[in-house]
Amino acid sequence: MTSKLQSVPADSAASSKGREKHAVIASFLGWTLDAFDFFVVVFLVETLAARFAVSKAAIVLTLTATLAMRPVGALLFGLLADRFGRRRPLMANVIYFSLIELACGFAPNFSVFLLLRVLYGIGMGGQWGVGASLAMETAPPRWRGLLSGVLQSGYPIGYMLAALAARVLLPLWGWRSLFFAGACPALLAFYVWSKVPESEAWRGLRRLNFSGILRTVAENWKTAGYLVVLMTLMNCLSHGTQDLYPDFLKSAHGIPAATVTLVAMLYNVGAVLGGISFGHFSERLGRRRAMVAAMVLALAVIPFWAFGATLASLAVGAFLMQVGVQGAWGIIPAHLNELAPDAARGLLPGLCYQIGILIASPANSLEYALRDRLGYGWAMAAFEIAVIAVGVLVISLGQERHGKDFMQA
């Protein structure tokens, strides 16, 4: 009898760990594969411009268009996640963006390609909020910071996989093969369906209809406004240091494309290390202090990142830059979900994140335009110095709810 009684808690603990593992894996893979689908365009700027007979600036515009449409996806899939649970909207989102990515590989001209990248932005915008709420609600509070960093590291890993695909697939099978590879994430839906349970924290909430969820967001307008400002700055920080950097290395320094992909893989290793490390540090330092520390690191390495005289100094600068940038980002899933109201946790973090993307979406085009006046290096450096300075101020003046218990909702 005693052994049976003692086995129940053990079985329950094992079951709980299984739920945590599968939820984090699904959310991580969804964000990784979503990022891969976005970043393949970064490595095809020159190729697509030549293929569609348009300027490189026009291809950069497709990146901006994708980013600008992400709030639509966050609103749509976030509402579904708070109304019907995290699991089914996550599956629908993965299937949607995978099919759109596949269609990009068949684009016959620039107009069709631009339209498809706009539609892809809706899917990309819905992925993060649903996945982050599922992972953070399932993770134990003491591990939330670390797992937040793991989840967010999916973004640079997706970037790294895109760089690897550009190096391997592009020379062998051409640019369309990168988009065909982007259809593979649809298989993730089967994993979610078979392995990932619904969030227990969501099950415990009082169900609200769509108007009730939106009303909850409106009642928390101060928190929402602060998070939009924060996420605008965070997206300027990340996209301003990542999206044009391969083109910067090729255009300003004449570095061959094959070498650029190696540098991109290197600095994305730094991004993964930074996200996980600073996410873990945030459990001891607090969310805001850890984010400020990461941004100060990014500021300190700008001379190497933007003005390195050798390939080695540029590569080291890029590596350390992404340690700092993604170090700050690694804390974001936990920080935003802790600040969000319980009834709108599937919607508010993702919506604020993606509205921030919308506001920050001209960052790439702005940096690209400034390069004609300041030079490529100074255009990126001046932009990021301003972003980091304002970001540190906004984070320092904000609030946090470190360790909030989602099960007490």
Protein backbone atom coordinates (compact mmCIF):
# COMPACT_ATOMS: atom_id res chain seq x y z
CA MET A 1 0.00 0.00 0.00
CA THR A 2 2.77 2.40 0.92
CA SER A 3 4.58 1.89 -2.35
CA LYS A 4 1.40 2.57 -4.31
CA LEU A 5 0.71 5.76 -2.43
CA GLN A 6 4.25 6.96 -2.98
CA SER A 7 4.16 6.18 -6.69
CA VAL A 8 1.34 8.62 -7.38
CA PRO A 9 3.34 11.79 -6.74
CA ALA A 10 6.29 10.36 -8.68
CA ASP A 11 4.07 9.55 -11.66
CA SER A 12 2.47 12.96 -11.42
CA ALA A 13 5.87 14.66 -11.35
CA ALA A 14 7.04 12.66 -14.36
CA SER A 15 3.86 13.54 -16.24
CA SER A 16 4.33 17.22 -15.37
CA LYS A 17 7.92 17.18 -16.62
CA GLY A 18 6.73 15.55 -19.83
CA ARG A 19 4.18 18.31 -20.40
CA GLU A 20 6.79 20.98 -19.73
CA LYS A 21 9.28 19.36 -22.10
CA HIS A 22 6.88 18.94 -25.01
CA ALA A 23 5.39 22.43 -24.63
CA VAL A 24 8.81 24.11 -24.62
CA ILE A 25 10.07 21.95 -27.51
CA ALA A 26 7.02 22.74 -29.63
CA SER A 27 7.22 26.47 -28.92
CA PHE A 28 10.97 26.52 -29.52
CA LEU A 29 10.71 24.64 -32.82
CA GLY A 30 7.83 26.80 -34.01
CA TRP A 31 9.82 29.99 -33.43
CA THR A 32 12.98 28.46 -34.92
CA LEU A 33 11.28 27.39 -38.13
CA ASP A 34 9.34 30.64 -38.39
CA ALA A 35 12.58 32.60 -38.12
CA PHE A 36 14.19 30.38 -40.75
CA ASP A 37 11.39 31.21 -43.16
CA PHE A 38 11.89 34.93 -42.55
CA PHE A 39 15.68 35.04 -42.75
CA VAL A 40 16.11 33.13 -46.01
CA VAL A 41 15.23 36.42 -47.75
CA VAL A 42 18.13 38.17 -45.94
CA PHE A 43 20.58 35.88 -47.77
CA LEU A 44 18.82 36.27 -51.11
CA VAL A 45 18.70 40.06 -51.45
CA GLU A 46 21.04 40.20 -54.45
CA THR A 47 19.77 36.95 -55.97
CA LEU A 48 16.11 37.93 -55.83
CA ALA A 49 16.82 41.46 -57.07
CA ALA A 50 18.49 39.97 -60.15
CA ARG A 51 15.82 37.30 -60.63
CA PHE A 52 12.89 39.72 -60.46
CA ALA A 53 14.75 42.61 -62.19
CA VAL A 54 14.23 45.03 -59.30
CA SER A 55 16.57 46.98 -57.03
CA LYS A 56 18.01 45.58 -53.82
CA ALA A 57 16.00 48.24 -51.98
CA ALA A 58 12.82 46.63 -53.33
CA ILE A 59 13.80 43.27 -51.84
CA VAL A 60 14.61 44.99 -48.53
CA LEU A 61 11.08 46.42 -48.75
CA THR A 62 9.67 42.87 -48.65
CA LEU A 63 11.38 42.40 -45.27
CA THR A 64 9.70 45.59 -44.07
CA ALA A 65 6.33 44.44 -45.41
CA THR A 66 6.63 41.11 -43.59
CA LEU A 67 7.44 42.84 -40.31
CA ALA A 68 4.62 45.35 -40.77
CA MET A 69 1.95 42.63 -41.11
CA ARG A 70 2.91 40.75 -37.98
CA PRO A 71 0.45 42.62 -35.68
CA VAL A 72 -2.43 41.25 -37.76
CA GLY A 73 -1.29 37.70 -37.05
CA ALA A 74 -0.71 38.46 -33.37
CA LEU A 75 -4.25 39.82 -33.03
CA LEU A 76 -5.88 36.95 -34.91
CA PHE A 77 -4.02 34.02 -33.37
CA GLY A 78 -3.75 35.68 -29.94
CA LEU A 79 -7.52 36.04 -29.70
CA LEU A 80 -7.94 32.41 -30.72
CA ALA A 81 -5.38 31.32 -28.11
CA ASP A 82 -7.16 33.12 -25.25
CA ARG A 83 -10.57 31.94 -26.40
CA PHE A 84 -9.91 28.32 -27.42
CA GLY A 85 -6.59 27.44 -25.82
CA ARG A 86 -2.97 27.56 -26.94
CA ARG A 87 -2.68 24.21 -28.68
CA ARG A 88 -5.04 24.37 -31.66
CA PRO A 89 -4.12 27.94 -32.74
CA LEU A 90 -0.44 26.92 -32.60
CA MET A 91 -1.07 24.04 -34.99
CA ALA A 92 -3.11 26.21 -37.35
CA ASN A 93 -0.41 28.88 -37.34
CA VAL A 94 2.39 26.46 -38.22
CA ILE A 95 0.45 24.99 -41.14
CA TYR A 96 -0.45 28.45 -42.44
CA PHE A 97 3.03 29.99 -42.53
CA SER A 98 4.54 26.78 -43.94
CA LEU A 99 2.15 26.79 -46.91
CA ILE A 100 2.79 30.47 -47.61
CA GLU A 101 6.55 29.87 -47.51
CA LEU A 102 6.14 27.01 -49.98
CA ALA A 103 4.18 29.29 -52.31
CA CYS A 104 7.03 31.85 -52.23
CA GLY A 105 9.18 29.29 -54.02
CA PHE A 106 6.76 29.37 -56.97
CA ALA A 107 6.52 33.18 -57.23
CA PRO A 108 6.72 34.11 -60.93
CA ASN A 109 7.43 37.83 -60.42
CA PHE A 110 8.14 40.46 -57.81
CA SER A 111 4.52 41.53 -57.32
CA VAL A 112 3.43 38.00 -56.41
CA PHE A 113 6.48 37.55 -54.19
CA LEU A 114 5.72 40.79 -52.32
CA LEU A 115 2.10 39.73 -51.77
CA LEU A 116 3.20 36.35 -50.43
CA ARG A 117 5.67 37.95 -48.03
CA VAL A 118 2.86 40.19 -46.77
CA LEU A 119 0.70 37.11 -46.14
CA TYR A 120 3.64 35.34 -44.54
CA GLY A 121 3.93 38.23 -42.06
CA ILE A 122 0.49 37.31 -40.67
CA GLY A 123 1.68 33.80 -39.87
CA MET A 124 4.96 34.98 -38.42
CA GLY A 125 3.14 37.46 -36.20
CA GLY A 126 0.90 34.80 -34.71
CA GLN A 127 3.60 32.28 -33.82
CA TRP A 128 5.49 33.98 -31.00
CA GLY A 129 2.62 35.04 -28.75
CA VAL A 130 0.86 31.68 -28.78
CA GLY A 131 4.05 29.68 -28.37
CA ALA A 132 5.45 31.92 -25.63
CA SER A 133 2.26 31.79 -23.56
CA LEU A 134 2.14 28.00 -23.84
CA ALA A 135 5.80 27.56 -22.86
CA MET A 136 5.83 30.12 -20.03
CA GLU A 137 2.57 28.86 -18.52
CA THR A 138 3.90 25.32 -18.52
CA ALA A 139 7.41 26.08 -17.20
CA PRO A 140 8.04 26.03 -13.42
CA PRO A 141 8.58 29.60 -12.13
CA ARG A 142 12.14 28.86 -10.97
CA TRP A 143 13.10 27.75 -14.51
CA ARG A 144 11.11 30.37 -16.36
CA GLY A 145 14.06 32.66 -17.08
CA LEU A 146 16.24 29.87 -18.45
CA LEU A 147 13.47 28.41 -20.59
CA SER A 148 12.57 31.89 -21.77
CA GLY A 149 16.11 32.16 -23.12
CA VAL A 150 15.84 28.71 -24.70
CA LEU A 151 12.56 29.65 -26.39
CA GLN A 152 13.90 32.95 -27.71
CA SER A 153 17.10 31.29 -28.92
CA GLY A 154 14.94 29.66 -31.56
CA TYR A 155 15.10 32.95 -33.46
CA PRO A 156 18.90 33.06 -33.94
CA ILE A 157 18.95 29.31 -34.54
CA GLY A 158 16.46 29.88 -37.34
CA TYR A 159 18.77 32.60 -38.67
CA MET A 160 21.71 30.19 -38.48
CA LEU A 161 19.78 27.48 -40.32
CA ALA A 162 18.89 30.01 -43.02
CA ALA A 163 22.58 30.87 -43.38
CA LEU A 164 23.42 27.16 -43.64
CA ALA A 165 20.70 26.63 -46.25
CA ALA A 166 21.99 29.58 -48.27
CA ARG A 167 25.46 28.06 -48.20
CA VAL A 168 24.41 24.50 -49.08
CA LEU A 169 21.10 24.57 -50.97
CA LEU A 170 21.48 27.80 -52.94
CA PRO A 171 24.53 26.70 -55.01
CA LEU A 172 23.03 23.25 -55.63
CA TRP A 173 19.36 23.87 -56.39
CA GLY A 174 18.86 27.64 -56.61
CA TRP A 175 16.90 30.19 -54.63
CA ARG A 176 13.54 28.43 -54.84
CA SER A 177 14.88 25.46 -52.86
CA LEU A 178 15.27 27.63 -49.75
CA PHE A 179 11.55 28.39 -49.77
CA PHE A 180 10.64 24.78 -50.47
CA ALA A 181 12.67 23.79 -47.41
CA GLY A 182 10.61 26.33 -45.47
CA ALA A 183 7.51 24.18 -45.96
CA CYS A 184 8.90 21.47 -43.65
CA PRO A 185 7.64 23.15 -40.45
CA ALA A 186 4.13 21.92 -41.31
CA LEU A 187 5.24 18.58 -39.86
CA LEU A 188 5.51 20.27 -36.46
CA ALA A 189 1.72 20.41 -36.32
CA PHE A 190 1.64 16.61 -35.98
CA TYR A 191 4.02 16.80 -33.02
CA VAL A 192 1.85 19.40 -31.30
CA TRP A 193 -1.26 17.33 -31.98
CA SER A 194 0.23 14.10 -30.61
CA LYS A 195 2.50 15.26 -27.78
CA VAL A 196 1.62 18.72 -26.50
CA PRO A 197 -1.20 19.03 -23.93
CA GLU A 198 -3.27 22.13 -23.39
CA SER A 199 -1.98 24.70 -20.88
CA GLU A 200 -3.26 23.96 -17.37
CA ALA A 201 -3.04 27.66 -16.53
CA TRP A 202 -5.38 28.44 -19.43
CA ARG A 203 -7.77 25.66 -18.39
CA GLY A 204 -8.07 27.29 -14.98
CA LEU A 205 -9.06 30.70 -16.34
CA ARG A 206 -12.61 31.99 -16.63
CA ARG A 207 -13.52 31.83 -20.31
CA LEU A 208 -14.07 35.18 -22.00
CA ASN A 209 -15.48 35.81 -25.46
CA PHE A 210 -13.52 37.88 -27.98
CA SER A 211 -15.01 41.18 -26.80
CA GLY A 212 -14.17 40.30 -23.19
CA ILE A 213 -10.57 39.56 -24.11
CA LEU A 214 -10.26 42.87 -25.97
CA ARG A 215 -11.88 44.66 -23.04
CA THR A 216 -9.25 43.17 -20.73
CA VAL A 217 -6.54 44.58 -22.99
CA ALA A 218 -8.24 47.99 -22.98
CA GLU A 219 -8.46 47.98 -19.18
CA ASN A 220 -4.70 47.35 -19.04
CA TRP A 221 -3.85 50.09 -21.54
CA LYS A 222 -0.97 51.48 -19.47
CA THR A 223 0.79 48.11 -19.40
CA ALA A 224 0.04 47.63 -23.10
CA GLY A 225 1.41 51.07 -23.98
CA TYR A 226 4.61 50.48 -22.04
CA LEU A 227 5.14 47.09 -23.67
CA VAL A 228 4.61 48.54 -27.15
CA VAL A 229 7.33 51.15 -26.50
CA LEU A 230 9.64 48.49 -25.08
CA MET A 231 9.09 46.12 -27.98
CA THR A 232 9.57 48.88 -30.55
CA LEU A 233 13.02 49.51 -29.11
CA MET A 234 13.82 45.81 -28.83
CA ASN A 235 12.90 45.22 -32.45
CA CYS A 236 14.98 48.19 -33.59
CA LEU A 237 17.83 46.65 -31.61
CA SER A 238 17.56 43.18 -33.13
CA HIS A 239 16.55 43.89 -36.71
CA GLY A 240 18.88 46.88 -36.88
CA THR A 241 21.84 44.67 -36.00
CA GLN A 242 20.89 41.52 -37.93
CA ASP A 243 18.91 41.96 -41.11
CA LEU A 244 21.35 44.07 -43.16
CA TYR A 245 24.56 42.81 -41.61
CA PRO A 246 25.24 40.17 -44.31
CA ASP A 247 24.77 42.83 -46.99
CA PHE A 248 26.99 45.23 -44.99
CA LEU A 249 29.81 42.67 -44.92
CA LYS A 250 29.52 42.06 -48.66
CA SER A 251 28.96 45.65 -49.81
CA ALA A 252 31.18 47.64 -47.43
CA HIS A 253 34.00 45.12 -46.96
CA GLY A 254 33.86 42.98 -50.10
CA ILE A 255 33.63 39.76 -48.12
CA PRO A 256 32.57 36.79 -50.29
CA ALA A 257 29.05 35.46 -49.81
CA ALA A 258 30.29 32.05 -48.63
CA THR A 259 32.36 33.68 -45.89
CA VAL A 260 29.45 35.92 -44.90
CA THR A 261 27.29 32.88 -44.21
CA LEU A 262 30.02 31.51 -41.91
CA VAL A 263 30.15 34.81 -40.01
CA ALA A 264 26.35 34.77 -39.75
CA MET A 265 26.42 31.27 -38.27
CA LEU A 266 29.12 32.37 -35.81
CA TYR A 267 27.26 35.41 -34.51
CA ASN A 268 24.08 33.39 -34.19
CA VAL A 269 25.94 30.97 -31.92
CA GLY A 270 26.66 34.06 -29.81
CA ALA A 271 22.97 34.94 -29.93
CA VAL A 272 21.97 31.52 -28.60
CA LEU A 273 24.55 31.67 -25.81
CA GLY A 274 23.46 35.20 -24.91
CA GLY A 275 19.75 34.42 -24.83
CA ILE A 276 20.11 31.36 -22.61
CA SER A 277 22.75 32.91 -20.32
CA PHE A 278 20.99 36.21 -19.67
CA GLY A 279 17.63 34.45 -19.40
CA HIS A 280 19.14 32.37 -16.61
CA PHE A 281 20.80 35.41 -15.01
CA SER A 282 17.43 37.17 -14.90
CA GLU A 283 16.27 34.73 -12.23
CA ARG A 284 18.95 36.15 -9.92
CA LEU A 285 19.36 39.70 -11.16
CA GLY A 286 15.73 40.38 -12.00
CA ARG A 287 14.33 40.86 -15.49
CA ARG A 288 15.14 44.57 -15.92
CA ARG A 289 18.68 44.58 -14.57
CA ALA A 290 19.63 41.57 -16.69
CA MET A 291 18.22 43.27 -19.80
CA VAL A 292 20.15 46.47 -19.09
CA ALA A 293 23.38 44.50 -18.59
CA ALA A 294 22.92 42.77 -21.95
CA MET A 295 22.27 46.07 -23.75
CA VAL A 296 25.36 47.67 -22.21
CA LEU A 297 27.41 44.78 -23.61
CA ALA A 298 25.93 45.43 -27.07
CA LEU A 299 26.82 49.11 -26.80
CA ALA A 300 30.41 48.36 -25.80
CA VAL A 301 31.17 46.23 -28.87
CA ILE A 302 29.76 48.60 -31.53
CA PRO A 303 33.30 49.77 -32.55
CA PHE A 304 34.27 46.20 -33.48
CA TRP A 305 30.87 45.30 -34.97
CA ALA A 306 30.60 48.35 -37.25
CA PHE A 307 34.19 49.54 -37.75
CA GLY A 308 36.38 46.45 -37.48
CA ALA A 309 39.35 46.72 -39.82
CA THR A 310 39.74 42.98 -40.36
CA LEU A 311 37.42 40.05 -40.92
CA ALA A 312 38.41 38.66 -37.52
CA SER A 313 37.54 41.86 -35.65
CA LEU A 314 34.20 42.15 -37.48
CA ALA A 315 33.37 38.53 -36.72
CA VAL A 316 34.24 38.85 -33.02
CA GLY A 317 32.31 42.12 -32.83
CA ALA A 318 29.28 40.53 -34.49
CA PHE A 319 29.49 37.52 -32.14
CA LEU A 320 29.58 39.69 -29.00
CA MET A 321 26.95 42.06 -30.38
CA GLN A 322 24.47 39.22 -30.67
CA VAL A 323 25.39 37.90 -27.23
CA GLY A 324 24.18 41.26 -25.92
CA VAL A 325 21.23 41.75 -28.28
CA GLN A 326 19.79 38.28 -27.84
CA GLY A 327 20.78 38.30 -24.19
CA ALA A 328 18.24 41.08 -23.71
CA TRP A 329 15.76 39.28 -25.94
CA GLY A 330 16.12 36.01 -24.05
CA ILE A 331 14.33 37.59 -21.10
CA ILE A 332 11.41 38.92 -23.14
CA PRO A 333 9.10 35.84 -23.22
CA ALA A 334 9.14 35.54 -19.42
CA HIS A 335 9.02 39.30 -18.81
CA LEU A 336 6.06 40.01 -21.10
CA ASN A 337 4.03 37.02 -19.97
CA GLU A 338 4.56 37.98 -16.32
CA LEU A 339 3.37 41.53 -16.99
CA ALA A 340 0.32 40.50 -19.05
CA PRO A 341 -3.17 40.14 -17.50
CA ASP A 342 -4.15 36.49 -17.11
CA ALA A 343 -7.22 36.59 -19.35
CA ALA A 344 -5.23 38.06 -22.27
CA ARG A 345 -1.88 36.34 -21.90
CA GLY A 346 -2.17 34.69 -25.28
CA LEU A 347 -2.94 38.01 -26.95
CA LEU A 348 -1.26 40.93 -25.17
CA PRO A 349 2.44 39.90 -25.20
CA GLY A 350 2.35 38.86 -28.85
CA LEU A 351 0.28 41.87 -29.91
CA CYS A 352 2.58 44.35 -28.17
CA TYR A 353 5.58 42.55 -29.62
CA GLN A 354 4.18 42.76 -33.13
CA ILE A 355 2.93 46.36 -32.87
CA GLY A 356 6.48 47.13 -31.82
CA ILE A 357 7.58 45.37 -35.03
CA LEU A 358 5.16 47.51 -37.03
CA ILE A 359 6.57 50.72 -35.60
CA ALA A 360 10.14 49.48 -35.96
CA SER A 361 9.61 48.02 -39.44
CA PRO A 362 11.22 51.00 -41.25
CA ALA A 363 14.47 50.41 -39.33
CA ASN A 364 16.07 48.42 -42.17
CA SER A 365 15.03 50.92 -44.82
CA LEU A 366 16.19 53.82 -42.61
CA GLU A 367 19.61 52.29 -42.03
CA TYR A 368 19.90 51.49 -45.73
CA ALA A 369 19.03 55.10 -46.64
CA LEU A 370 21.43 56.56 -44.05
CA ARG A 371 24.32 54.63 -45.51
CA ASP A 372 24.34 57.00 -48.51
CA ARG A 373 24.89 59.96 -46.17
CA LEU A 374 26.97 58.50 -43.35
CA GLY A 375 28.50 55.36 -44.82
CA TYR A 376 27.25 51.84 -44.02
CA GLY A 377 29.16 51.46 -40.74
CA TRP A 378 28.16 54.81 -39.26
CA ALA A 379 24.56 54.40 -40.39
CA MET A 380 24.20 51.20 -38.35
CA ALA A 381 26.30 52.40 -35.42
CA ALA A 382 24.52 55.73 -34.94
CA PHE A 383 21.12 54.07 -35.17
CA GLU A 384 21.94 51.40 -32.58
CA ILE A 385 23.63 53.80 -30.14
CA ALA A 386 20.43 55.86 -30.05
CA VAL A 387 18.25 52.74 -29.68
CA ILE A 388 20.32 51.32 -26.80
CA ALA A 389 20.42 54.63 -24.92
CA VAL A 390 16.65 55.05 -25.05
CA GLY A 391 16.11 51.34 -24.38
CA VAL A 392 18.12 51.37 -21.16
CA LEU A 393 16.09 54.35 -19.94
CA VAL A 394 12.72 52.75 -20.76
CA ILE A 395 13.65 49.42 -19.14
CA SER A 396 14.96 51.15 -16.01
CA LEU A 397 11.73 53.13 -15.59
CA GLY A 398 9.49 50.11 -16.14
CA GLN A 399 8.18 47.42 -13.80
CA GLU A 400 8.44 43.66 -13.50
CA ARG A 401 6.54 40.79 -11.86
CA HIS A 402 9.40 38.36 -11.59
CA GLY A 403 8.21 34.88 -10.62
CA LYS A 404 4.47 35.49 -11.01
CA ASP A 405 2.47 32.29 -10.41
CA PHE A 406 0.26 31.71 -13.43
CA MET A 407 -1.63 28.89 -11.71
CA GLN A 408 -3.12 31.29 -9.14
CA ALA A 409 -5.16 33.11 -11.78
